[in-house]
């Protein structure tokens, strides 16, 4: 459940950053990256608060899921 939410947060942040600052424009690339990082941090903090885990535990769950090929959720769509 937490792993799924972590992946969804990453997908959502990338999609929203791309909508706001498309990487097709060279001067939008840095803005896109900055905005995506800000969004994913905010979304992950919400997950941490929801499940009462710290950042290190969240990273460990994400890594374990990737190492053990846990099922990935479908790509987040707006």
C-alpha atoms as a PDB file:
ATOM      1  CA  UNK A   1       0.000   0.000   0.000  1.00  0.00           C
ATOM      2  CA  UNK A   2       2.733   2.504   0.924  1.00  0.00           C
ATOM      3  CA  UNK A   3       4.865   1.413  -2.030  1.00  0.00           C
ATOM      4  CA  UNK A   4       1.953   2.017  -4.389  1.00  0.00           C
ATOM      5  CA  UNK A   5       1.407   5.502  -2.977  1.00  0.00           C
ATOM      6  CA  UNK A   6       5.109   6.357  -3.305  1.00  0.00           C
ATOM      7  CA  UNK A   7       5.122   5.382  -6.982  1.00  0.00           C
ATOM      8  CA  UNK A   8       1.862   7.239  -7.600  1.00  0.00           C
ATOM      9  CA  UNK A   9       3.324  10.360  -5.956  1.00  0.00           C
ATOM     10  CA  UNK A  10       6.349  10.203  -8.245  1.00  0.00           C
ATOM     11  CA  UNK A  11       4.186   9.683 -11.340  1.00  0.00           C
ATOM     12  CA  UNK A  12       1.783  12.455 -10.360  1.00  0.00           C
ATOM     13  CA  UNK A  13       4.563  14.944  -9.680  1.00  0.00           C
ATOM     14  CA  UNK A  14       6.191  14.238 -13.061  1.00  0.00           C
ATOM     15  CA  UNK A  15       2.903  14.572 -14.926  1.00  0.00           C
ATOM     16  CA  UNK A  16       1.916  17.817 -13.207  1.00  0.00           C
ATOM     17  CA  UNK A  17       5.382  19.315 -13.683  1.00  0.00           C
ATOM     18  CA  UNK A  18       5.292  18.417 -17.368  1.00  0.00           C
ATOM     19  CA  UNK A  19       1.895  20.076 -17.751  1.00  0.00           C
ATOM     20  CA  UNK A  20       3.041  23.255 -16.038  1.00  0.00           C
ATOM     21  CA  UNK A  21       6.559  23.445 -17.512  1.00  0.00           C
ATOM     22  CA  UNK A  22       6.826  21.232 -20.624  1.00  0.00           C
ATOM     23  CA  UNK A  23      10.353  19.944 -21.180  1.00  0.00           C
ATOM     24  CA  UNK A  24       9.936  20.553 -24.906  1.00  0.00           C
ATOM     25  CA  UNK A  25      11.052  24.108 -24.228  1.00  0.00           C
ATOM     26  CA  UNK A  26      14.727  24.337 -23.258  1.00  0.00           C
ATOM     27  CA  UNK A  27      14.165  27.162 -20.807  1.00  0.00           C
ATOM     28  CA  UNK A  28      11.428  25.165 -19.049  1.00  0.00           C
ATOM     29  CA  UNK A  29      13.596  22.165 -18.208  1.00  0.00           C
ATOM     30  CA  UNK A  30      15.060  23.577 -14.993  1.00  0.00           C
ATOM     31  CA  UNK A  31      11.676  24.876 -13.885  1.00  0.00           C
ATOM     32  CA  UNK A  32      10.132  21.488 -14.605  1.00  0.00           C
ATOM     33  CA  UNK A  33      12.779  19.711 -12.517  1.00  0.00           C
ATOM     34  CA  UNK A  34      12.465  22.150  -9.618  1.00  0.00           C
ATOM     35  CA  UNK A  35       8.670  22.000  -9.629  1.00  0.00           C
ATOM     36  CA  UNK A  36       8.647  18.200  -9.842  1.00  0.00           C
ATOM     37  CA  UNK A  37      11.026  17.895  -6.884  1.00  0.00           C
ATOM     38  CA  UNK A  38       8.904  20.291  -4.836  1.00  0.00           C
ATOM     39  CA  UNK A  39       5.705  18.385  -5.645  1.00  0.00           C
ATOM     40  CA  UNK A  40       7.113  14.921  -4.966  1.00  0.00           C
ATOM     41  CA  UNK A  41       8.536  16.086  -1.634  1.00  0.00           C
ATOM     42  CA  UNK A  42       5.144  17.485  -0.626  1.00  0.00           C
ATOM     43  CA  UNK A  43       3.339  14.304  -1.680  1.00  0.00           C
ATOM     44  CA  UNK A  44       5.825  12.065   0.121  1.00  0.00           C
ATOM     45  CA  UNK A  45       5.546  14.113   3.319  1.00  0.00           C
ATOM     46  CA  UNK A  46       1.789  13.517   3.149  1.00  0.00           C
ATOM     47  CA  UNK A  47       2.439   9.758   2.872  1.00  0.00           C
ATOM     48  CA  UNK A  48       4.857   9.915   5.814  1.00  0.00           C
ATOM     49  CA  UNK A  49       2.260  11.701   7.918  1.00  0.00           C
ATOM     50  CA  UNK A  50      -0.518   9.318   6.890  1.00  0.00           C
ATOM     51  CA  UNK A  51       1.454   6.208   7.858  1.00  0.00           C
ATOM     52  CA  UNK A  52       3.546   7.736  10.664  1.00  0.00           C
ATOM     53  CA  UNK A  53       6.890   6.831   9.069  1.00  0.00           C
ATOM     54  CA  UNK A  54      10.010   8.923   8.596  1.00  0.00           C
ATOM     55  CA  UNK A  55      11.790   9.728   5.334  1.00  0.00           C
ATOM     56  CA  UNK A  56      14.352   6.934   5.786  1.00  0.00           C
ATOM     57  CA  UNK A  57      11.614   4.323   6.244  1.00  0.00           C
ATOM     58  CA  UNK A  58       9.807   5.621   3.161  1.00  0.00           C
ATOM     59  CA  UNK A  59      13.011   5.309   1.110  1.00  0.00           C
ATOM     60  CA  UNK A  60      13.585   1.792   2.461  1.00  0.00           C
ATOM     61  CA  UNK A  61      10.073   0.727   1.436  1.00  0.00           C
ATOM     62  CA  UNK A  62      10.539   2.163  -2.059  1.00  0.00           C
ATOM     63  CA  UNK A  63      13.908   0.429  -2.453  1.00  0.00           C
ATOM     64  CA  UNK A  64      12.571  -2.896  -1.177  1.00  0.00           C
ATOM     65  CA  UNK A  65       9.673  -2.708  -3.617  1.00  0.00           C
ATOM     66  CA  UNK A  66      11.995  -2.057  -6.537  1.00  0.00           C
ATOM     67  CA  UNK A  67      14.505  -4.731  -5.492  1.00  0.00           C
ATOM     68  CA  UNK A  68      11.781  -7.355  -5.129  1.00  0.00           C
ATOM     69  CA  UNK A  69       9.866  -6.329  -8.252  1.00  0.00           C
ATOM     70  CA  UNK A  70       6.657  -5.542  -6.401  1.00  0.00           C
ATOM     71  CA  UNK A  71       3.741  -4.851  -8.700  1.00  0.00           C
ATOM     72  CA  UNK A  72       3.785  -1.289  -9.951  1.00  0.00           C
ATOM     73  CA  UNK A  73       0.539   0.654  -9.938  1.00  0.00           C
ATOM     74  CA  UNK A  74      -0.787   1.919 -13.252  1.00  0.00           C
ATOM     75  CA  UNK A  75       0.641   5.250 -14.367  1.00  0.00           C
ATOM     76  CA  UNK A  76      -1.130   8.113 -12.600  1.00  0.00           C
ATOM     77  CA  UNK A  77      -3.457  10.015 -14.883  1.00  0.00           C
ATOM     78  CA  UNK A  78      -4.901  13.437 -14.387  1.00  0.00           C
END
